[in-house]
N, C-alpha and C. Protein backbone atom coordinates (compact mmCIF):
# COMPACT_ATOMS: atom_id res chain seq x y z
N MET A 1 77.99 -175.44 -37.43
CA MET A 1 77.34 -175.68 -36.09
C MET A 1 75.88 -174.99 -36.05
N ARG A 2 75.15 -175.23 -35.04
CA ARG A 2 73.71 -174.75 -34.85
C ARG A 2 73.87 -173.52 -34.35
N GLY A 3 72.76 -172.56 -34.72
CA GLY A 3 72.79 -171.32 -33.99
C GLY A 3 72.19 -171.42 -32.43
N ARG A 4 71.99 -170.40 -31.84
CA ARG A 4 71.51 -170.55 -30.35
C ARG A 4 70.63 -169.42 -30.24
N GLY A 5 69.65 -169.40 -28.70
CA GLY A 5 68.88 -168.38 -28.89
C GLY A 5 69.30 -167.01 -28.30
N LEU A 6 68.83 -165.94 -28.40
CA LEU A 6 69.26 -164.52 -28.25
C LEU A 6 68.73 -164.69 -26.95
N ILE A 7 69.52 -163.41 -25.89
CA ILE A 7 69.11 -163.05 -24.74
C ILE A 7 68.66 -161.74 -24.35
N ALA A 8 67.34 -161.92 -23.57
CA ALA A 8 66.64 -160.75 -23.31
C ALA A 8 67.15 -159.62 -22.24
N ASN A 9 66.81 -158.79 -22.42
CA ASN A 9 67.11 -157.65 -21.23
C ASN A 9 65.72 -156.81 -20.88
N THR A 10 65.50 -156.65 -19.60
CA THR A 10 64.51 -155.77 -19.18
C THR A 10 65.14 -154.80 -17.89
N VAL A 11 64.41 -153.63 -18.00
CA VAL A 11 65.24 -152.61 -16.80
C VAL A 11 63.71 -151.83 -16.57
N ILE A 12 63.76 -151.76 -15.21
CA ILE A 12 62.47 -151.25 -14.19
C ILE A 12 63.20 -150.11 -13.60
N GLN A 13 62.18 -149.08 -12.99
CA GLN A 13 62.93 -148.06 -12.02
C GLN A 13 62.42 -148.50 -10.72
N ALA A 14 62.98 -148.58 -9.78
CA ALA A 14 62.62 -149.07 -8.45
C ALA A 14 62.72 -148.01 -7.44
N SER A 15 61.83 -148.03 -6.48
CA SER A 15 62.21 -147.15 -5.38
C SER A 15 63.04 -147.36 -4.40
N ASN A 16 63.56 -146.78 -3.35
CA ASN A 16 64.40 -146.77 -2.43
C ASN A 16 63.85 -148.15 -1.60
N GLY A 17 62.46 -148.10 -1.21
CA GLY A 17 62.05 -149.12 -0.54
C GLY A 17 61.84 -150.65 -1.38
N GLN A 18 61.68 -150.49 -2.56
CA GLN A 18 61.63 -151.67 -3.32
C GLN A 18 63.09 -152.27 -3.58
N LEU A 19 64.26 -151.30 -3.73
CA LEU A 19 65.63 -151.80 -3.61
C LEU A 19 65.90 -152.62 -2.54
N THR A 20 65.62 -152.14 -1.42
CA THR A 20 65.75 -152.73 -0.21
C THR A 20 65.21 -154.05 -0.25
N GLU A 21 63.98 -154.10 -0.59
CA GLU A 21 63.20 -155.51 -0.68
C GLU A 21 63.77 -156.48 -1.61
N MET A 22 64.28 -155.95 -2.65
CA MET A 22 64.91 -156.70 -3.89
C MET A 22 66.25 -157.29 -3.29
N LYS A 23 66.98 -156.26 -2.52
CA LYS A 23 68.21 -156.81 -2.30
C LYS A 23 68.15 -158.08 -1.15
N GLN A 24 66.92 -158.07 -0.25
CA GLN A 24 66.55 -159.12 0.79
C GLN A 24 66.21 -160.34 -0.04
N ALA A 25 65.28 -159.81 -0.89
CA ALA A 25 64.91 -161.31 -1.71
C ALA A 25 65.92 -162.05 -2.34
N TYR A 26 67.00 -161.30 -3.14
CA TYR A 26 67.98 -161.81 -3.68
C TYR A 26 69.30 -162.11 -3.11
N THR A 27 69.21 -162.02 -1.72
CA THR A 27 70.28 -162.04 -0.89
C THR A 27 71.01 -163.64 -1.16
N PRO A 28 70.41 -164.78 -1.34
CA PRO A 28 70.76 -166.24 -1.57
C PRO A 28 71.73 -166.09 -3.04
N TYR A 29 71.52 -165.05 -3.75
CA TYR A 29 71.78 -164.97 -5.00
C TYR A 29 72.92 -163.99 -5.40
N ILE A 30 73.35 -163.42 -4.56
CA ILE A 30 74.22 -162.08 -4.42
C ILE A 30 75.66 -162.59 -4.80
N GLN A 31 76.08 -161.55 -5.77
CA GLN A 31 77.52 -161.85 -6.45
C GLN A 31 78.39 -160.89 -6.11
N PRO A 32 79.87 -161.45 -5.58
CA PRO A 32 80.43 -160.29 -4.99
C PRO A 32 81.09 -159.25 -5.75
N LYS A 33 81.03 -159.46 -7.25
CA LYS A 33 81.71 -158.57 -8.10
C LYS A 33 80.42 -157.45 -8.61
N LEU A 34 80.76 -156.05 -8.32
CA LEU A 34 79.80 -155.19 -8.83
C LEU A 34 80.20 -154.18 -10.04
N PRO A 35 79.29 -153.96 -10.96
CA PRO A 35 79.53 -153.06 -12.11
C PRO A 35 79.78 -151.55 -11.28
N PRO A 36 80.41 -150.70 -12.12
CA PRO A 36 80.56 -149.26 -11.45
C PRO A 36 78.93 -148.72 -11.40
N GLY A 37 78.64 -148.09 -10.09
CA GLY A 37 77.58 -147.48 -9.96
C GLY A 37 76.41 -148.39 -9.30
N ALA A 38 76.57 -149.91 -9.19
CA ALA A 38 75.88 -150.78 -8.68
C ALA A 38 75.49 -150.72 -7.34
N LEU A 39 74.40 -151.12 -6.85
CA LEU A 39 74.10 -151.22 -5.35
C LEU A 39 74.31 -152.89 -5.07
N PHE A 40 73.78 -153.69 -5.96
CA PHE A 40 74.14 -155.15 -5.66
C PHE A 40 73.77 -155.72 -7.12
N SER A 41 74.54 -156.82 -7.25
CA SER A 41 74.14 -157.92 -8.49
C SER A 41 73.85 -159.07 -7.96
N ALA A 42 73.03 -160.03 -8.78
CA ALA A 42 72.44 -161.36 -8.15
C ALA A 42 72.49 -161.94 -9.58
N LYS A 43 72.92 -163.20 -9.29
CA LYS A 43 72.45 -164.42 -10.30
C LYS A 43 71.50 -165.48 -9.91
N LYS A 44 70.26 -165.30 -10.46
CA LYS A 44 69.30 -166.44 -9.93
C LYS A 44 68.92 -167.25 -11.18
N GLY A 45 69.66 -168.36 -11.29
CA GLY A 45 69.54 -169.30 -12.35
C GLY A 45 70.03 -168.74 -13.52
N SER A 46 69.29 -168.53 -14.59
CA SER A 46 69.81 -167.83 -15.73
C SER A 46 69.51 -166.53 -15.94
N ILE A 47 69.04 -165.95 -14.84
CA ILE A 47 68.80 -164.38 -14.79
C ILE A 47 69.88 -163.65 -14.18
N THR A 48 70.34 -162.61 -14.61
CA THR A 48 71.28 -161.82 -13.80
C THR A 48 70.59 -160.41 -13.35
N ILE A 49 70.61 -160.06 -12.17
CA ILE A 49 69.95 -159.02 -11.57
C ILE A 49 71.06 -157.92 -11.31
N THR A 50 70.84 -156.72 -11.79
CA THR A 50 71.96 -155.69 -11.32
C THR A 50 71.26 -154.33 -10.91
N ALA A 51 71.13 -154.06 -9.61
CA ALA A 51 70.54 -152.66 -9.26
C ALA A 51 71.31 -151.48 -8.99
N TYR A 52 71.20 -150.40 -9.60
CA TYR A 52 71.93 -149.30 -9.56
C TYR A 52 71.51 -148.23 -8.82
N LYS A 53 72.39 -147.42 -8.27
CA LYS A 53 72.20 -146.45 -7.51
C LYS A 53 71.08 -145.36 -7.74
N SER A 54 70.78 -145.19 -9.17
CA SER A 54 69.69 -144.21 -9.52
C SER A 54 68.39 -144.91 -9.43
N GLY A 55 68.30 -146.21 -9.03
CA GLY A 55 67.06 -147.06 -8.93
C GLY A 55 66.73 -147.86 -10.07
N LYS A 56 67.52 -147.78 -11.08
CA LYS A 56 67.19 -148.76 -12.44
C LYS A 56 67.66 -149.96 -11.77
N VAL A 57 66.91 -151.01 -12.33
CA VAL A 57 67.40 -152.46 -12.05
C VAL A 57 67.21 -153.20 -13.38
N MET A 58 68.33 -153.59 -13.68
CA MET A 58 68.54 -154.62 -15.18
C MET A 58 68.52 -156.14 -14.92
N PHE A 59 67.52 -156.64 -15.45
CA PHE A 59 67.36 -157.95 -15.62
C PHE A 59 67.87 -158.65 -16.79
N GLN A 60 68.83 -159.59 -16.94
CA GLN A 60 69.53 -160.36 -18.22
C GLN A 60 69.16 -161.54 -17.95
N GLY A 61 68.74 -162.14 -19.46
CA GLY A 61 68.83 -163.50 -19.50
C GLY A 61 67.43 -164.18 -19.80
N ALA A 62 67.34 -165.26 -20.26
CA ALA A 62 66.04 -166.03 -20.45
C ALA A 62 65.02 -165.94 -19.30
N GLY A 63 63.97 -165.56 -19.34
CA GLY A 63 63.07 -165.32 -18.31
C GLY A 63 63.04 -163.92 -17.59
N SER A 64 64.06 -163.01 -18.11
CA SER A 64 64.21 -161.89 -17.27
C SER A 64 63.03 -161.06 -17.39
N GLU A 65 62.12 -160.94 -18.35
CA GLU A 65 60.97 -160.09 -18.41
C GLU A 65 60.14 -160.44 -17.36
N LEU A 66 59.81 -161.94 -17.16
CA LEU A 66 58.86 -162.46 -15.97
C LEU A 66 59.39 -162.15 -14.87
N GLU A 67 60.74 -162.18 -14.68
CA GLU A 67 61.14 -162.02 -13.31
C GLU A 67 61.26 -160.24 -12.82
N ALA A 68 61.48 -159.49 -14.01
CA ALA A 68 61.24 -158.20 -13.64
C ALA A 68 59.86 -157.74 -13.36
N SER A 69 58.83 -158.47 -13.99
CA SER A 69 57.26 -158.02 -13.94
C SER A 69 56.73 -158.31 -12.50
N LYS A 70 57.54 -158.95 -11.52
CA LYS A 70 57.37 -159.15 -10.32
C LYS A 70 57.43 -158.08 -9.49
N TRP A 71 58.36 -157.08 -10.13
CA TRP A 71 58.86 -155.61 -9.24
C TRP A 71 58.41 -154.41 -9.79
N GLY A 72 57.79 -154.44 -11.11
CA GLY A 72 57.28 -153.19 -11.73
C GLY A 72 57.24 -153.10 -13.01
N ASN A 73 56.79 -152.20 -13.74
CA ASN A 73 56.65 -152.18 -15.25
C ASN A 73 58.33 -151.75 -15.73
N SER A 74 58.41 -152.29 -16.91
CA SER A 74 59.70 -152.20 -17.58
C SER A 74 59.82 -150.61 -18.42
N LEU A 75 61.02 -150.16 -18.01
CA LEU A 75 61.05 -148.78 -18.92
C LEU A 75 61.75 -149.23 -20.26
N GLN A 76 62.43 -150.43 -20.20
CA GLN A 76 63.28 -150.88 -21.33
C GLN A 76 63.13 -152.33 -21.44
N LYS A 77 62.79 -152.77 -22.59
CA LYS A 77 62.75 -154.12 -23.24
C LYS A 77 63.40 -154.41 -24.48
N SER A 78 64.22 -155.28 -24.66
CA SER A 78 64.98 -155.55 -25.89
C SER A 78 65.51 -157.07 -25.91
N THR A 79 65.27 -157.68 -27.23
CA THR A 79 65.88 -159.00 -27.42
C THR A 79 66.72 -158.82 -28.40
N PRO A 80 68.04 -158.74 -27.98
CA PRO A 80 69.04 -158.28 -29.27
C PRO A 80 68.82 -159.42 -30.38
N SER A 81 69.10 -158.40 -31.72
CA SER A 81 68.76 -159.25 -32.91
C SER A 81 70.30 -159.66 -33.40
N MET A 82 70.60 -160.92 -33.95
CA MET A 82 71.96 -160.87 -34.59
C MET A 82 72.03 -160.28 -35.89
N ALA A 83 72.91 -159.22 -35.89
CA ALA A 83 73.56 -158.45 -37.05
C ALA A 83 73.54 -159.33 -38.04
N LYS A 84 73.32 -159.08 -39.32
CA LYS A 84 73.54 -159.51 -40.60
C LYS A 84 74.87 -158.98 -41.02
N HIS A 85 75.88 -159.47 -40.82
CA HIS A 85 77.24 -159.13 -41.25
C HIS A 85 77.48 -159.52 -42.64
N THR A 86 77.95 -158.55 -43.77
CA THR A 86 78.44 -159.05 -44.66
C THR A 86 80.04 -159.02 -45.12
N LEU A 87 80.59 -160.63 -45.52
CA LEU A 87 81.61 -160.77 -45.69
C LEU A 87 82.30 -160.05 -46.57
N PRO A 88 83.61 -159.88 -46.46
CA PRO A 88 84.37 -158.84 -47.42
C PRO A 88 84.33 -159.42 -49.02
N ASP A 89 84.41 -158.58 -50.09
CA ASP A 89 84.55 -159.18 -51.47
C ASP A 89 85.62 -160.08 -51.37
N GLY A 90 85.41 -161.37 -52.34
CA GLY A 90 86.50 -162.40 -52.39
C GLY A 90 86.79 -163.12 -51.17
N PHE A 91 85.94 -163.19 -50.16
CA PHE A 91 86.24 -163.86 -48.78
C PHE A 91 86.18 -165.31 -49.07
N GLN A 92 85.35 -165.86 -50.00
CA GLN A 92 85.28 -167.10 -50.34
C GLN A 92 86.50 -167.97 -50.81
N THR A 93 87.48 -166.92 -51.69
CA THR A 93 88.73 -167.43 -52.08
C THR A 93 89.62 -167.22 -51.38
N LYS A 94 89.61 -166.92 -50.05
CA LYS A 94 90.61 -166.90 -49.06
C LYS A 94 90.93 -168.26 -48.16
N ASN A 95 92.06 -168.22 -47.56
CA ASN A 95 92.26 -169.30 -46.94
C ASN A 95 91.81 -168.95 -45.14
N VAL A 96 90.80 -169.66 -44.81
CA VAL A 96 90.27 -169.03 -43.58
C VAL A 96 90.48 -170.05 -42.45
N LEU A 97 90.43 -169.56 -41.32
CA LEU A 97 90.51 -170.40 -40.05
C LEU A 97 89.14 -169.86 -39.22
N GLY A 98 88.28 -170.85 -38.97
CA GLY A 98 87.00 -170.27 -38.20
C GLY A 98 86.97 -170.93 -37.10
N SER A 99 85.91 -170.68 -36.44
CA SER A 99 85.42 -171.21 -35.03
C SER A 99 83.92 -170.97 -34.67
N ASP A 100 83.57 -172.13 -33.99
CA ASP A 100 81.84 -171.88 -33.68
C ASP A 100 81.81 -172.88 -32.38
N GLU A 101 80.50 -172.51 -31.75
CA GLU A 101 80.25 -173.40 -30.62
C GLU A 101 78.81 -173.97 -30.50
N VAL A 102 78.66 -175.15 -29.77
CA VAL A 102 77.38 -175.51 -29.36
C VAL A 102 77.36 -175.69 -28.08
N GLY A 103 76.16 -176.17 -27.54
CA GLY A 103 75.96 -176.64 -26.18
C GLY A 103 75.37 -175.40 -25.36
N THR A 104 75.04 -174.31 -25.71
CA THR A 104 74.72 -173.17 -24.80
C THR A 104 73.27 -172.98 -25.00
N GLY A 105 72.49 -173.47 -25.74
CA GLY A 105 71.14 -173.09 -26.25
C GLY A 105 69.95 -174.07 -25.50
N ASP A 106 68.92 -174.39 -26.16
CA ASP A 106 68.00 -175.24 -25.46
C ASP A 106 68.27 -176.53 -24.86
N PHE A 107 69.45 -177.09 -25.84
CA PHE A 107 70.25 -178.36 -25.16
C PHE A 107 71.41 -177.82 -24.64
N PHE A 108 71.36 -177.97 -23.31
CA PHE A 108 72.86 -177.49 -22.68
C PHE A 108 73.79 -178.56 -22.25
N GLY A 109 75.13 -178.09 -22.73
CA GLY A 109 76.34 -178.89 -22.20
C GLY A 109 76.49 -180.01 -23.08
N PRO A 110 77.57 -180.71 -23.06
CA PRO A 110 78.78 -179.77 -22.57
C PRO A 110 78.96 -178.68 -23.74
N ILE A 111 79.49 -177.51 -23.11
CA ILE A 111 80.03 -176.58 -24.12
C ILE A 111 81.11 -177.11 -25.11
N THR A 112 80.96 -177.04 -26.42
CA THR A 112 81.74 -177.71 -27.48
C THR A 112 82.26 -176.66 -28.25
N VAL A 113 83.68 -176.26 -28.64
CA VAL A 113 83.98 -175.40 -29.37
C VAL A 113 84.85 -176.16 -30.39
N CYS A 114 84.90 -175.69 -31.71
CA CYS A 114 85.49 -176.32 -32.93
C CYS A 114 86.26 -175.15 -33.73
N ALA A 115 87.54 -175.56 -33.94
CA ALA A 115 88.04 -174.37 -34.78
C ALA A 115 88.73 -175.35 -35.82
N ALA A 116 88.57 -174.66 -37.31
CA ALA A 116 88.96 -175.59 -38.25
C ALA A 116 89.54 -174.80 -39.34
N TYR A 117 90.55 -175.17 -40.00
CA TYR A 117 91.19 -174.16 -41.22
C TYR A 117 91.10 -174.92 -42.56
N VAL A 118 90.47 -173.91 -43.62
CA VAL A 118 90.23 -174.55 -44.90
C VAL A 118 90.77 -173.70 -45.83
N ALA A 119 91.81 -174.13 -46.81
CA ALA A 119 92.58 -173.43 -47.55
C ALA A 119 91.74 -173.53 -48.91
N LYS A 120 91.73 -172.43 -49.61
CA LYS A 120 90.96 -172.21 -50.66
C LYS A 120 90.94 -173.33 -51.76
N GLU A 121 92.09 -173.86 -51.83
CA GLU A 121 92.44 -174.99 -52.78
C GLU A 121 91.61 -176.29 -52.41
N GLN A 122 91.12 -176.46 -50.98
CA GLN A 122 90.05 -177.42 -50.57
C GLN A 122 88.58 -177.26 -50.81
N MET A 123 88.39 -176.18 -51.21
CA MET A 123 86.70 -175.75 -51.27
C MET A 123 86.21 -176.72 -52.45
N PRO A 124 86.59 -176.96 -53.35
CA PRO A 124 86.04 -177.88 -54.37
C PRO A 124 85.92 -179.32 -53.90
N LEU A 125 87.10 -179.68 -52.89
CA LEU A 125 86.73 -181.03 -52.41
C LEU A 125 85.60 -181.21 -51.59
N LEU A 126 85.48 -180.02 -50.61
CA LEU A 126 84.67 -179.99 -49.56
C LEU A 126 83.30 -179.85 -50.02
N THR A 127 83.15 -179.21 -51.19
CA THR A 127 81.69 -179.19 -51.74
C THR A 127 81.39 -180.31 -52.47
N SER A 128 82.35 -181.26 -52.95
CA SER A 128 81.98 -182.36 -53.58
C SER A 128 81.41 -183.58 -52.57
N LEU A 129 82.15 -183.06 -51.27
CA LEU A 129 81.71 -184.19 -50.36
C LEU A 129 80.32 -183.99 -49.84
N GLY A 130 79.86 -182.71 -50.04
CA GLY A 130 78.43 -182.45 -49.45
C GLY A 130 78.51 -181.36 -48.43
N VAL A 131 79.66 -180.69 -48.10
CA VAL A 131 79.79 -179.67 -47.02
C VAL A 131 78.98 -178.20 -47.44
N LYS A 132 77.63 -177.99 -46.45
CA LYS A 132 77.23 -176.95 -46.75
C LYS A 132 76.73 -176.47 -45.38
N ASP A 133 75.80 -175.46 -45.16
CA ASP A 133 75.27 -174.92 -44.20
C ASP A 133 74.50 -175.95 -43.45
N SER A 134 75.16 -176.19 -42.12
CA SER A 134 74.46 -177.24 -41.06
C SER A 134 73.09 -177.08 -41.05
N LYS A 135 72.70 -176.00 -41.22
CA LYS A 135 71.19 -175.79 -40.68
C LYS A 135 70.33 -176.46 -41.86
N ALA A 136 70.94 -176.90 -43.00
CA ALA A 136 70.22 -177.42 -44.19
C ALA A 136 70.63 -178.73 -44.34
N MET A 137 71.28 -179.47 -43.04
CA MET A 137 71.76 -180.76 -43.13
C MET A 137 71.12 -181.51 -41.92
N LYS A 138 70.93 -182.85 -42.03
CA LYS A 138 70.33 -183.64 -41.08
C LYS A 138 71.66 -184.18 -40.09
N ASP A 139 71.69 -184.49 -38.88
CA ASP A 139 72.67 -185.13 -38.01
C ASP A 139 73.51 -186.39 -38.76
N PRO A 140 72.82 -187.09 -39.19
CA PRO A 140 73.43 -188.12 -39.64
C PRO A 140 74.23 -187.99 -40.91
N GLU A 141 73.66 -187.04 -41.59
CA GLU A 141 74.70 -186.67 -42.86
C GLU A 141 75.83 -185.86 -42.38
N ILE A 142 75.72 -184.98 -41.27
CA ILE A 142 76.67 -184.33 -40.66
C ILE A 142 77.78 -185.20 -40.47
N CYS A 143 77.31 -186.18 -39.66
CA CYS A 143 78.64 -187.19 -38.97
C CYS A 143 79.29 -187.93 -40.10
N GLN A 144 78.50 -188.36 -41.06
CA GLN A 144 78.96 -189.01 -42.22
C GLN A 144 80.26 -188.37 -43.11
N ILE A 145 79.95 -186.95 -43.25
CA ILE A 145 80.79 -186.27 -43.89
C ILE A 145 81.98 -185.90 -43.02
N ALA A 146 81.68 -185.70 -41.63
CA ALA A 146 82.86 -185.18 -40.53
C ALA A 146 83.86 -186.15 -40.70
N GLU A 147 83.31 -187.67 -40.70
CA GLU A 147 84.51 -188.70 -40.73
C GLU A 147 85.48 -188.59 -42.05
N LYS A 148 84.95 -188.06 -43.22
CA LYS A 148 85.83 -187.91 -44.49
C LYS A 148 86.35 -186.73 -44.22
N ILE A 149 86.23 -185.39 -43.49
CA ILE A 149 87.05 -184.22 -43.79
C ILE A 149 88.00 -183.99 -42.54
N MET A 150 87.62 -184.90 -41.67
CA MET A 150 88.58 -184.64 -40.29
C MET A 150 90.14 -184.87 -40.48
N PRO A 151 90.40 -185.90 -41.31
CA PRO A 151 91.72 -186.38 -41.70
C PRO A 151 92.44 -185.37 -42.57
N ILE A 152 91.81 -184.59 -43.30
CA ILE A 152 92.36 -183.51 -44.11
C ILE A 152 92.21 -181.96 -43.67
N ILE A 153 91.41 -181.81 -42.63
CA ILE A 153 91.37 -180.55 -42.15
C ILE A 153 92.06 -180.46 -40.89
N PRO A 154 92.88 -179.32 -40.75
CA PRO A 154 93.59 -179.15 -39.29
C PRO A 154 92.27 -178.56 -38.78
N HIS A 155 92.24 -179.10 -37.38
CA HIS A 155 91.22 -178.53 -36.47
C HIS A 155 91.33 -179.01 -35.02
N SER A 156 90.67 -178.26 -34.21
CA SER A 156 90.75 -178.68 -32.68
C SER A 156 89.23 -178.51 -32.18
N VAL A 157 89.00 -179.45 -31.35
CA VAL A 157 87.60 -179.56 -30.65
C VAL A 157 87.85 -179.61 -29.23
N LEU A 158 87.24 -178.63 -28.34
CA LEU A 158 87.40 -178.42 -27.01
C LEU A 158 85.96 -178.58 -26.55
N LEU A 159 86.11 -179.27 -25.27
CA LEU A 159 84.70 -179.56 -24.66
C LEU A 159 84.92 -178.72 -23.16
N CYS A 160 83.88 -178.37 -22.63
CA CYS A 160 83.75 -178.04 -21.12
C CYS A 160 82.40 -178.78 -20.61
N PRO A 161 82.71 -179.72 -20.06
CA PRO A 161 81.72 -180.55 -19.37
C PRO A 161 80.87 -179.61 -18.42
N ASN A 162 79.58 -180.13 -17.95
CA ASN A 162 78.64 -179.47 -17.00
C ASN A 162 79.48 -179.48 -15.72
N THR A 163 80.10 -180.62 -15.12
CA THR A 163 80.83 -180.38 -14.12
C THR A 163 82.02 -179.23 -13.83
N LYS A 164 82.68 -179.10 -14.92
CA LYS A 164 83.62 -178.08 -15.20
C LYS A 164 83.03 -176.84 -15.18
N TYR A 165 81.54 -176.70 -16.15
CA TYR A 165 81.00 -175.56 -15.98
C TYR A 165 80.66 -174.89 -14.75
N ASN A 166 79.97 -175.81 -13.82
CA ASN A 166 79.64 -175.56 -12.70
C ASN A 166 80.66 -175.03 -11.57
N GLU A 167 81.84 -175.72 -11.86
CA GLU A 167 82.98 -175.29 -10.97
C GLU A 167 83.61 -173.71 -11.49
N LEU A 168 83.51 -173.59 -12.64
CA LEU A 168 83.90 -172.24 -13.16
C LEU A 168 82.91 -171.08 -12.82
N ILE A 169 81.73 -171.34 -13.03
CA ILE A 169 80.75 -170.41 -12.42
C ILE A 169 80.84 -170.27 -11.16
N GLY A 170 81.07 -171.17 -10.01
CA GLY A 170 81.42 -171.04 -8.83
C GLY A 170 82.67 -170.00 -8.53
N ALA A 171 83.70 -170.27 -9.61
CA ALA A 171 84.79 -169.24 -9.34
C ALA A 171 84.52 -167.87 -9.93
N GLY A 172 83.48 -167.50 -10.36
CA GLY A 172 82.97 -166.19 -11.09
C GLY A 172 83.15 -165.98 -12.51
N ILE A 173 83.66 -167.07 -13.11
CA ILE A 173 83.58 -166.89 -14.45
C ILE A 173 82.20 -167.26 -15.19
N ASN A 174 81.96 -166.21 -16.12
CA ASN A 174 80.77 -166.52 -16.74
C ASN A 174 80.73 -167.07 -18.16
N GLN A 175 79.52 -167.42 -18.60
CA GLN A 175 79.42 -168.33 -19.70
C GLN A 175 80.33 -167.71 -21.02
N GLY A 176 79.92 -166.27 -21.17
CA GLY A 176 80.80 -165.63 -22.21
C GLY A 176 82.13 -165.58 -21.94
N GLN A 177 82.73 -165.58 -20.99
CA GLN A 177 84.31 -165.69 -20.80
C GLN A 177 84.57 -167.31 -20.98
N MET A 178 83.94 -168.35 -20.42
CA MET A 178 84.23 -169.43 -20.87
C MET A 178 84.19 -169.83 -22.50
N LYS A 179 83.19 -169.21 -22.99
CA LYS A 179 83.29 -169.43 -24.56
C LYS A 179 84.44 -168.67 -25.22
N ALA A 180 84.90 -167.65 -24.77
CA ALA A 180 85.82 -166.77 -25.18
C ALA A 180 87.23 -167.57 -25.20
N MET A 181 87.44 -168.09 -23.84
CA MET A 181 88.48 -168.94 -23.69
C MET A 181 88.81 -169.87 -24.43
N LEU A 182 87.42 -170.85 -24.67
CA LEU A 182 87.49 -172.05 -25.41
C LEU A 182 88.04 -171.61 -27.06
N HIS A 183 87.24 -170.62 -27.52
CA HIS A 183 87.77 -170.18 -28.78
C HIS A 183 88.88 -169.76 -29.07
N ASN A 184 89.65 -169.36 -28.09
CA ASN A 184 91.07 -168.50 -28.15
C ASN A 184 91.96 -169.96 -28.09
N ARG A 185 91.66 -170.83 -27.43
CA ARG A 185 92.72 -172.03 -27.20
C ARG A 185 92.62 -172.79 -28.40
N ALA A 186 91.04 -172.95 -28.84
CA ALA A 186 91.04 -173.88 -29.94
C ALA A 186 91.72 -173.23 -31.33
N LEU A 187 91.45 -171.91 -31.63
CA LEU A 187 92.20 -171.28 -32.73
C LEU A 187 93.94 -171.25 -32.72
N GLN A 188 94.25 -171.17 -31.21
CA GLN A 188 95.75 -171.29 -31.09
C GLN A 188 96.16 -172.74 -31.46
N ASN A 189 95.38 -173.56 -31.04
CA ASN A 189 95.59 -175.13 -31.53
C ASN A 189 95.97 -175.38 -32.67
N VAL A 190 95.23 -174.48 -33.65
CA VAL A 190 95.01 -175.13 -34.79
C VAL A 190 96.16 -174.07 -35.62
N LEU A 191 96.38 -173.07 -35.36
CA LEU A 191 97.45 -172.15 -35.72
C LEU A 191 98.82 -172.77 -35.48
N ARG A 192 98.81 -173.48 -34.35
CA ARG A 192 100.15 -174.32 -34.05
C ARG A 192 100.58 -175.32 -35.19
N ARG A 193 99.13 -176.11 -35.29
CA ARG A 193 99.18 -177.31 -36.15
C ARG A 193 99.50 -176.83 -37.69
N MET A 194 98.92 -175.60 -38.11
CA MET A 194 99.22 -175.08 -39.40
C MET A 194 100.62 -174.49 -39.65
N TRP A 195 101.28 -174.05 -38.78
CA TRP A 195 102.71 -173.26 -38.66
C TRP A 195 103.70 -174.26 -39.60
N PRO A 196 104.39 -173.47 -40.47
CA PRO A 196 104.51 -171.86 -40.59
C PRO A 196 103.49 -171.67 -41.74
N GLU A 197 102.53 -172.26 -42.04
CA GLU A 197 101.31 -171.52 -42.77
C GLU A 197 100.45 -170.60 -41.98
N GLU A 198 99.92 -169.69 -42.45
CA GLU A 198 99.00 -168.72 -41.96
C GLU A 198 97.77 -168.41 -42.28
N PRO A 199 96.74 -168.35 -41.82
CA PRO A 199 95.27 -167.93 -42.79
C PRO A 199 95.33 -166.66 -42.95
N ASP A 200 94.70 -166.28 -44.46
CA ASP A 200 94.26 -164.97 -44.65
C ASP A 200 93.57 -164.30 -43.81
N ALA A 201 92.48 -165.24 -42.96
CA ALA A 201 91.31 -164.43 -42.24
C ALA A 201 90.95 -165.35 -41.31
N ILE A 202 90.66 -165.11 -39.93
CA ILE A 202 89.99 -165.61 -38.93
C ILE A 202 88.69 -165.34 -38.65
N LEU A 203 87.68 -166.24 -38.76
CA LEU A 203 86.38 -165.86 -38.58
C LEU A 203 85.72 -166.54 -37.36
N ILE A 204 85.11 -165.80 -36.62
CA ILE A 204 84.59 -166.27 -35.08
C ILE A 204 83.17 -165.89 -35.38
N ASP A 205 82.33 -167.02 -35.16
CA ASP A 205 80.83 -166.87 -34.89
C ASP A 205 80.39 -165.86 -33.78
N GLN A 206 79.57 -165.03 -33.95
CA GLN A 206 79.30 -164.02 -32.87
C GLN A 206 78.61 -164.77 -31.75
N PHE A 207 79.24 -164.78 -30.52
CA PHE A 207 78.49 -165.75 -29.43
C PHE A 207 78.21 -164.43 -28.21
N ALA A 208 78.24 -163.20 -28.47
CA ALA A 208 78.14 -162.20 -27.51
C ALA A 208 77.43 -161.22 -27.97
N GLU A 209 76.60 -160.36 -27.34
CA GLU A 209 75.92 -159.14 -27.94
C GLU A 209 76.10 -158.19 -26.80
N LYS A 210 76.06 -156.70 -27.51
CA LYS A 210 76.30 -155.61 -26.63
C LYS A 210 75.13 -155.22 -25.51
N ILE A 211 75.39 -155.00 -24.35
CA ILE A 211 74.48 -154.97 -23.37
C ILE A 211 74.00 -153.40 -23.60
N PRO A 212 72.61 -153.40 -23.62
CA PRO A 212 71.96 -151.97 -23.74
C PRO A 212 72.50 -151.20 -22.71
N THR A 213 72.94 -149.77 -23.33
CA THR A 213 73.29 -148.71 -22.47
C THR A 213 72.19 -148.12 -21.58
N ILE A 214 72.50 -148.11 -20.39
CA ILE A 214 71.37 -147.68 -19.63
C ILE A 214 71.95 -146.43 -18.59
N VAL A 215 71.65 -145.29 -18.38
CA VAL A 215 71.88 -144.23 -17.60
C VAL A 215 71.65 -144.37 -16.20
N ILE A 216 72.94 -144.41 -15.52
CA ILE A 216 72.68 -144.88 -13.93
C ILE A 216 73.26 -143.69 -13.11
């Protein structure tokens, strides 16, 4: 599956007057749930704004830097970088169950999660069929190979259509939580289909970043 963009975070220091003004401005977007120490939290489009009692205000999401610039200079700005994880020695010789998702980047929806299990004995066959990093393949080639491997690889594909996504957002469930639920269910589906066989390892593509720590 293809990668997705990373989410930026910006923090500013606001005066009491600015906090009052900001809360009024974001009233249509106010969220009912508050993190510890927060005065208010709002969700405006793809941007989450959280104001703390200390006067610090965190803007998260695509376009956060521009939104924050309307109120003051940033104290902290970061774009999380995807860590380069090294797989354990001999990982390529293990029986692995893995999952990944698409549909949350520039081209949005439906959110699609796929989990699949590959036994080490199947690796030569998959290699001979042309399976490799999807970033090095074109879509027609991926579709052709998928038709050949789907009958022999235990897998589960789950979708969250845009209408369901909007319904879940309205219920207070964020995108990260949706992806976690989809990954979990897809992996469980494959584990049931594999039973009594069990994988040596489970690999999940990272879809969440640590939120920068700020003193509140």
